[in-house]
Amino acid sequence: MGSRVVLFGGRLLGTDELSNEMHVLETGLMRWKTIKVKGEPPCARHSHAATAENGDLFIFGGEAEHELYLNDMHVFRPKEMSWITPRCHGVPPPPQKDAAMATSGTRLFVVSSKMPRVYSFDTGSAPIAAIAC
């Protein structure tokens, strides 16, 4: 995202502990830092999909504690350093880990070898607080 690499969550090396922290690599300085954010962050998870679109970071699904697969969508807004959880309308993808997500215009696409079809989210049809699935 610009001159920064943003890292969210994951499994802590050598443990079963999951994280929901945000880390940023400032590429000009090649220095990592943990950032404090506003809003309710997604629960700790790993194997989630992520993509950036129009300056925002979108997080979908993944695996939480106790092998719970997720199908939620969260948006991190770097300008405000805050999380929002949009209301998704329509039929969401099934709970999923190891999915991939990409963007084209105002559409986000989620795909996985375990899903029967490609799912899309239209981020341009309404304010980001309400995403059409």
Protein backbone atom coordinates (compact mmCIF):
# COMPACT_ATOMS: atom_id res chain seq x y z
CA MET A 1 0.00 0.00 0.00
CA GLY A 2 2.10 2.81 -1.32
CA SER A 3 5.56 2.68 0.25
CA ARG A 4 4.31 0.39 3.03
CA VAL A 5 3.77 -3.34 3.34
CA VAL A 6 0.89 -4.16 5.69
CA LEU A 7 0.69 -7.47 7.52
CA PHE A 8 -2.39 -8.59 9.43
CA GLY A 9 -2.74 -11.54 11.78
CA GLY A 10 -1.32 -15.00 11.27
CA ARG A 11 0.03 -17.83 13.37
CA LEU A 12 2.95 -16.99 15.65
CA LEU A 13 6.02 -18.98 14.69
CA GLY A 14 6.56 -22.16 16.71
CA THR A 15 3.21 -21.88 18.52
CA ASP A 16 -0.50 -22.46 17.99
CA GLU A 17 -1.20 -18.86 19.03
CA LEU A 18 -3.00 -16.69 16.49
CA SER A 19 -2.68 -12.93 16.10
CA ASN A 20 -4.91 -10.08 14.99
CA GLU A 21 -2.23 -7.39 15.20
CA MET A 22 -1.29 -5.03 12.37
CA HIS A 23 2.34 -4.65 11.38
CA VAL A 24 3.72 -2.23 8.81
CA LEU A 25 7.03 -2.30 6.97
CA GLU A 26 8.09 1.20 5.96
CA THR A 27 9.98 0.28 2.79
CA GLY A 28 11.97 3.53 2.65
CA LEU A 29 13.49 2.77 6.06
CA MET A 30 13.10 -1.04 5.89
CA ARG A 31 11.76 -0.94 9.45
CA TRP A 32 8.82 -2.90 10.91
CA LYS A 33 6.46 -1.46 13.47
CA THR A 34 3.29 -2.64 15.19
CA ILE A 35 0.51 -0.12 14.77
CA LYS A 36 -2.37 0.80 17.05
CA VAL A 37 -5.72 0.92 15.32
CA LYS A 38 -9.23 2.19 16.05
CA GLY A 39 -12.40 0.20 15.67
CA GLU A 40 -13.04 -3.49 16.25
CA PRO A 41 -10.33 -5.56 14.54
CA PRO A 42 -11.13 -8.95 13.04
CA CYS A 43 -10.65 -11.89 15.38
CA ALA A 44 -7.23 -13.53 15.42
CA ARG A 45 -6.82 -15.76 12.35
CA HIS A 46 -4.50 -17.20 9.76
CA SER A 47 -4.82 -18.37 6.14
CA HIS A 48 -7.13 -15.45 5.28
CA ALA A 49 -7.34 -13.67 1.93
CA ALA A 50 -6.36 -10.02 1.60
CA THR A 51 -6.20 -7.40 -1.10
CA ALA A 52 -5.94 -3.64 -1.36
CA GLU A 53 -8.44 -1.56 -3.33
CA ASN A 54 -8.69 2.22 -3.51
CA GLY A 55 -6.39 2.67 -0.51
CA ASP A 56 -8.27 0.21 1.75
CA LEU A 57 -7.17 -3.27 2.86
CA PHE A 58 -9.83 -5.98 2.60
CA ILE A 59 -9.60 -9.16 4.71
CA PHE A 60 -11.80 -12.19 4.01
CA GLY A 61 -12.24 -15.48 5.84
CA GLY A 62 -9.42 -17.58 7.18
CA GLU A 63 -9.14 -19.96 10.11
CA ALA A 64 -9.65 -18.91 13.73
CA GLU A 65 -9.01 -20.92 16.89
CA HIS A 66 -10.34 -24.49 17.16
CA GLU A 67 -10.24 -24.92 13.35
CA LEU A 68 -13.18 -22.53 12.90
CA TYR A 69 -13.37 -21.45 9.24
CA LEU A 70 -14.60 -17.90 8.64
CA ASN A 71 -16.44 -16.09 5.84
CA ASP A 72 -16.46 -12.56 7.22
CA MET A 73 -15.24 -9.40 5.51
CA HIS A 74 -13.32 -6.61 7.24
CA VAL A 75 -11.88 -3.37 5.87
CA PHE A 76 -8.84 -1.53 7.25
CA ARG A 77 -8.73 2.16 6.35
CA PRO A 78 -5.10 3.36 6.64
CA LYS A 79 -5.99 7.05 6.40
CA GLU A 80 -8.05 6.77 9.59
CA MET A 81 -6.03 3.84 11.03
CA SER A 82 -9.35 2.13 11.71
CA TRP A 83 -11.26 -1.09 11.03
CA ILE A 84 -14.83 -1.33 9.79
CA THR A 85 -16.96 -4.43 9.34
CA PRO A 86 -19.24 -3.89 6.36
CA ARG A 87 -22.68 -5.47 6.12
CA CYS A 88 -22.59 -7.82 3.16
CA HIS A 89 -25.79 -8.32 1.17
CA GLY A 90 -26.53 -11.36 -0.98
CA VAL A 91 -25.12 -14.87 -0.75
CA PRO A 92 -21.65 -14.84 0.84
CA PRO A 93 -18.92 -17.34 0.03
CA PRO A 94 -18.82 -20.39 2.30
CA PRO A 95 -16.47 -20.27 5.30
CA GLN A 96 -13.02 -20.58 3.83
CA LYS A 97 -9.30 -20.66 4.46
CA ASP A 98 -6.54 -20.49 1.86
CA ALA A 99 -8.69 -18.51 -0.58
CA ALA A 100 -7.28 -15.87 -2.92
CA MET A 101 -8.72 -12.41 -3.44
CA ALA A 102 -8.12 -9.93 -6.27
CA THR A 103 -9.63 -6.65 -7.44
CA SER A 104 -10.82 -5.25 -10.75
CA GLY A 105 -12.30 -1.77 -10.64
CA THR A 106 -14.71 -1.71 -7.72
CA ARG A 107 -15.14 -5.50 -7.61
CA LEU A 108 -13.37 -7.91 -5.28
CA PHE A 109 -13.17 -11.55 -6.36
CA VAL A 110 -12.71 -14.49 -3.97
CA VAL A 111 -11.74 -17.88 -5.34
CA SER A 112 -10.58 -21.17 -3.87
CA SER A 113 -10.15 -24.73 -5.10
CA LYS A 114 -12.63 -25.70 -2.36
CA MET A 115 -15.43 -23.36 -3.55
CA PRO A 116 -17.87 -24.28 -6.33
CA ARG A 117 -17.63 -20.87 -8.00
CA VAL A 118 -15.95 -17.45 -7.96
CA TYR A 119 -17.62 -14.99 -5.58
CA SER A 120 -17.54 -11.23 -6.07
CA PHE A 121 -18.17 -8.21 -3.90
CA ASP A 122 -19.15 -4.85 -5.41
CA THR A 123 -17.52 -2.12 -3.32
CA GLY A 124 -18.76 0.67 -5.59
CA SER A 125 -22.51 0.09 -5.34
CA ALA A 126 -22.91 1.68 -1.90
CA PRO A 127 -20.87 3.18 0.89
CA ILE A 128 -18.18 0.73 1.98
CA ALA A 129 -20.23 0.00 5.10
CA ALA A 130 -22.56 -2.08 2.89
CA ILE A 131 -21.02 -4.42 0.32
CA ALA A 132 -23.06 -6.35 -2.22
CA CYS A 133 -22.08 -10.03 -2.47
